[in-house]
Amino acid sequence: MSDGKELVRDAASVRWRKSTRSGPYSDNCVEIATIGVTVAVRDSLDPNGPVLQFSPDRWEAFVQDARLGRFDLP
């Protein structure tokens, strides 16, 4: 994986996708993109802010856990 600087430089030129759970009037928007083999995640309201990086395996584990409701509040 990169030192982060390379990813941020590349992040401006990739196609970001907004979460399907984000509505047109929602302030809680997450965008993802694939940069090389890295899955990148950012806040759509702060496109120049921090970009989180995940390996494909870690991203898939997160998505699976979210689908199973493991992050739902009681």
N, C-alpha and C. Protein backbone atom coordinates (compact mmCIF):
# COMPACT_ATOMS: atom_id res chain seq x y z
N MET A 1 0.82 -1.19 0.00
CA MET A 1 0.00 0.00 0.00
C MET A 1 0.86 1.25 0.00
N SER A 2 0.27 2.32 -0.43
CA SER A 2 1.02 3.56 -0.53
C SER A 2 1.17 4.23 0.83
N ASP A 3 1.94 5.31 0.85
CA ASP A 3 2.12 6.07 2.09
C ASP A 3 0.96 7.01 2.36
N GLY A 4 -0.08 6.98 1.54
CA GLY A 4 -1.23 7.86 1.72
C GLY A 4 -1.18 9.07 0.82
N LYS A 5 0.00 9.64 0.61
CA LYS A 5 0.12 10.82 -0.25
C LYS A 5 -0.22 10.46 -1.68
N GLU A 6 0.24 9.32 -2.12
CA GLU A 6 -0.05 8.89 -3.49
C GLU A 6 -1.55 8.67 -3.67
N LEU A 7 -2.19 8.06 -2.69
CA LEU A 7 -3.62 7.82 -2.78
C LEU A 7 -4.38 9.13 -2.87
N VAL A 8 -4.04 10.10 -2.03
CA VAL A 8 -4.73 11.39 -2.06
C VAL A 8 -4.56 12.06 -3.41
N ARG A 9 -3.38 11.99 -3.98
CA ARG A 9 -3.14 12.56 -5.30
C ARG A 9 -4.01 11.85 -6.33
N ASP A 10 -4.09 10.54 -6.26
CA ASP A 10 -4.90 9.77 -7.19
C ASP A 10 -6.39 9.94 -6.95
N ALA A 11 -6.78 10.24 -5.72
CA ALA A 11 -8.19 10.31 -5.37
C ALA A 11 -8.94 11.37 -6.17
N ALA A 12 -8.27 12.42 -6.57
CA ALA A 12 -8.93 13.49 -7.32
C ALA A 12 -9.31 13.05 -8.73
N SER A 13 -8.65 12.04 -9.26
CA SER A 13 -8.90 11.64 -10.64
C SER A 13 -9.75 10.37 -10.77
N VAL A 14 -10.22 9.82 -9.67
CA VAL A 14 -11.01 8.60 -9.76
C VAL A 14 -12.49 8.92 -9.72
N ARG A 15 -13.30 7.95 -10.08
CA ARG A 15 -14.75 8.11 -10.05
C ARG A 15 -15.28 7.62 -8.70
N TRP A 16 -15.80 8.54 -7.92
CA TRP A 16 -16.36 8.24 -6.61
C TRP A 16 -17.83 7.87 -6.77
N ARG A 17 -18.28 6.91 -5.96
CA ARG A 17 -19.69 6.49 -5.96
C ARG A 17 -20.28 6.76 -4.58
N LYS A 18 -21.44 7.39 -4.56
CA LYS A 18 -22.12 7.67 -3.30
C LYS A 18 -22.89 6.43 -2.85
N SER A 19 -22.94 6.23 -1.57
CA SER A 19 -23.68 5.12 -1.00
C SER A 19 -25.14 5.15 -1.47
N THR A 20 -25.68 3.99 -1.78
CA THR A 20 -27.09 3.91 -2.18
C THR A 20 -28.01 4.23 -1.01
N ARG A 21 -27.50 4.21 0.20
CA ARG A 21 -28.28 4.56 1.39
C ARG A 21 -28.33 6.07 1.61
N SER A 22 -27.57 6.82 0.87
CA SER A 22 -27.56 8.28 0.99
C SER A 22 -28.64 8.86 0.10
N GLY A 23 -29.57 9.56 0.69
CA GLY A 23 -30.63 10.19 -0.08
C GLY A 23 -30.17 11.54 -0.61
N PRO A 24 -30.97 12.15 -1.47
CA PRO A 24 -30.58 13.44 -2.05
C PRO A 24 -30.52 14.57 -1.02
N TYR A 25 -31.18 14.40 0.13
CA TYR A 25 -31.21 15.45 1.14
C TYR A 25 -30.49 15.04 2.42
N SER A 26 -29.71 13.99 2.33
CA SER A 26 -29.02 13.48 3.51
C SER A 26 -27.67 14.15 3.70
N ASP A 27 -27.33 14.46 4.95
CA ASP A 27 -26.01 15.00 5.26
C ASP A 27 -25.02 13.91 5.64
N ASN A 28 -25.47 12.67 5.69
CA ASN A 28 -24.62 11.55 6.08
C ASN A 28 -24.24 10.75 4.84
N CYS A 29 -23.38 11.30 4.03
CA CYS A 29 -23.03 10.68 2.76
C CYS A 29 -21.62 10.12 2.78
N VAL A 30 -21.50 8.91 2.29
CA VAL A 30 -20.21 8.25 2.17
C VAL A 30 -20.01 7.94 0.69
N GLU A 31 -18.79 8.14 0.21
CA GLU A 31 -18.46 7.79 -1.17
C GLU A 31 -17.32 6.78 -1.15
N ILE A 32 -17.34 5.87 -2.10
CA ILE A 32 -16.25 4.90 -2.23
C ILE A 32 -15.71 4.94 -3.65
N ALA A 33 -14.47 4.51 -3.77
CA ALA A 33 -13.82 4.40 -5.08
C ALA A 33 -12.79 3.29 -5.00
N THR A 34 -12.48 2.73 -6.12
CA THR A 34 -11.40 1.75 -6.21
C THR A 34 -10.20 2.46 -6.83
N ILE A 35 -9.10 2.44 -6.10
CA ILE A 35 -7.87 3.05 -6.58
C ILE A 35 -6.82 1.96 -6.57
N GLY A 36 -6.50 1.46 -7.75
CA GLY A 36 -5.63 0.29 -7.82
C GLY A 36 -6.34 -0.88 -7.18
N VAL A 37 -5.72 -1.50 -6.18
CA VAL A 37 -6.37 -2.59 -5.46
C VAL A 37 -6.96 -2.12 -4.13
N THR A 38 -6.88 -0.83 -3.87
CA THR A 38 -7.35 -0.27 -2.61
C THR A 38 -8.78 0.23 -2.75
N VAL A 39 -9.60 -0.04 -1.75
CA VAL A 39 -10.94 0.54 -1.67
C VAL A 39 -10.80 1.79 -0.81
N ALA A 40 -11.18 2.93 -1.37
CA ALA A 40 -11.06 4.21 -0.67
C ALA A 40 -12.44 4.70 -0.27
N VAL A 41 -12.52 5.33 0.90
CA VAL A 41 -13.78 5.83 1.44
C VAL A 41 -13.56 7.27 1.90
N ARG A 42 -14.52 8.14 1.58
CA ARG A 42 -14.43 9.53 2.02
C ARG A 42 -15.82 10.08 2.32
N ASP A 43 -15.85 11.19 3.00
CA ASP A 43 -17.08 11.93 3.30
C ASP A 43 -17.39 12.79 2.07
N SER A 44 -18.57 12.62 1.50
CA SER A 44 -18.90 13.37 0.29
C SER A 44 -19.01 14.87 0.54
N LEU A 45 -19.27 15.27 1.78
CA LEU A 45 -19.35 16.70 2.09
C LEU A 45 -17.98 17.32 2.29
N ASP A 46 -16.94 16.48 2.35
CA ASP A 46 -15.56 16.96 2.53
C ASP A 46 -14.65 16.22 1.56
N PRO A 47 -14.83 16.45 0.24
CA PRO A 47 -14.07 15.69 -0.76
C PRO A 47 -12.56 15.90 -0.70
N ASN A 48 -12.11 16.98 -0.09
CA ASN A 48 -10.67 17.20 0.05
C ASN A 48 -10.15 16.74 1.41
N GLY A 49 -11.03 16.16 2.21
CA GLY A 49 -10.66 15.69 3.54
C GLY A 49 -9.97 14.33 3.49
N PRO A 50 -9.89 13.68 4.63
CA PRO A 50 -9.18 12.41 4.72
C PRO A 50 -9.86 11.32 3.88
N VAL A 51 -9.04 10.41 3.39
CA VAL A 51 -9.50 9.26 2.63
C VAL A 51 -9.04 8.02 3.39
N LEU A 52 -10.00 7.17 3.76
CA LEU A 52 -9.67 5.92 4.42
C LEU A 52 -9.36 4.87 3.37
N GLN A 53 -8.42 3.99 3.66
CA GLN A 53 -8.00 2.96 2.71
C GLN A 53 -8.24 1.58 3.31
N PHE A 54 -8.76 0.67 2.49
CA PHE A 54 -9.01 -0.69 2.93
C PHE A 54 -8.54 -1.66 1.85
N SER A 55 -8.03 -2.79 2.28
CA SER A 55 -7.74 -3.86 1.33
C SER A 55 -9.09 -4.44 0.89
N PRO A 56 -9.14 -5.07 -0.27
CA PRO A 56 -10.41 -5.66 -0.72
C PRO A 56 -10.99 -6.65 0.29
N ASP A 57 -10.14 -7.44 0.93
CA ASP A 57 -10.63 -8.41 1.92
C ASP A 57 -11.26 -7.73 3.13
N ARG A 58 -10.61 -6.68 3.62
CA ARG A 58 -11.14 -5.95 4.78
C ARG A 58 -12.44 -5.24 4.42
N TRP A 59 -12.51 -4.67 3.23
CA TRP A 59 -13.74 -3.99 2.79
C TRP A 59 -14.88 -4.99 2.69
N GLU A 60 -14.63 -6.13 2.09
CA GLU A 60 -15.67 -7.15 1.94
C GLU A 60 -16.15 -7.63 3.30
N ALA A 61 -15.25 -7.78 4.26
CA ALA A 61 -15.63 -8.19 5.63
C ALA A 61 -16.53 -7.12 6.26
N PHE A 62 -16.18 -5.85 6.08
CA PHE A 62 -17.00 -4.76 6.61
C PHE A 62 -18.40 -4.79 6.00
N VAL A 63 -18.48 -4.89 4.69
CA VAL A 63 -19.78 -4.90 4.00
C VAL A 63 -20.62 -6.08 4.48
N GLN A 64 -20.01 -7.23 4.59
CA GLN A 64 -20.72 -8.43 5.07
C GLN A 64 -21.26 -8.21 6.48
N ASP A 65 -20.43 -7.68 7.38
CA ASP A 65 -20.88 -7.42 8.75
C ASP A 65 -22.00 -6.39 8.79
N ALA A 66 -21.93 -5.37 7.93
CA ALA A 66 -22.99 -4.36 7.88
C ALA A 66 -24.30 -5.00 7.40
N ARG A 67 -24.21 -5.84 6.40
CA ARG A 67 -25.42 -6.52 5.90
C ARG A 67 -26.04 -7.41 6.97
N LEU A 68 -25.22 -8.00 7.80
CA LEU A 68 -25.72 -8.87 8.86
C LEU A 68 -26.23 -8.09 10.07
N GLY A 69 -26.09 -6.76 10.04
CA GLY A 69 -26.59 -5.93 11.13
C GLY A 69 -25.67 -5.86 12.34
N ARG A 70 -24.42 -6.22 12.18
CA ARG A 70 -23.50 -6.25 13.32
C ARG A 70 -23.15 -4.86 13.85
N PHE A 71 -23.46 -3.81 13.10
CA PHE A 71 -23.16 -2.45 13.56
C PHE A 71 -24.43 -1.70 13.97
N ASP A 72 -25.58 -2.37 13.90
CA ASP A 72 -26.83 -1.73 14.27
C ASP A 72 -26.86 -1.41 15.76
N LEU A 73 -27.41 -0.27 16.09
CA LEU A 73 -27.56 0.09 17.49
C LEU A 73 -28.73 -0.67 18.09
N PRO A 74 -28.65 -0.99 19.39
CA PRO A 74 -29.77 -1.74 20.02
C PRO A 74 -31.05 -0.91 20.04
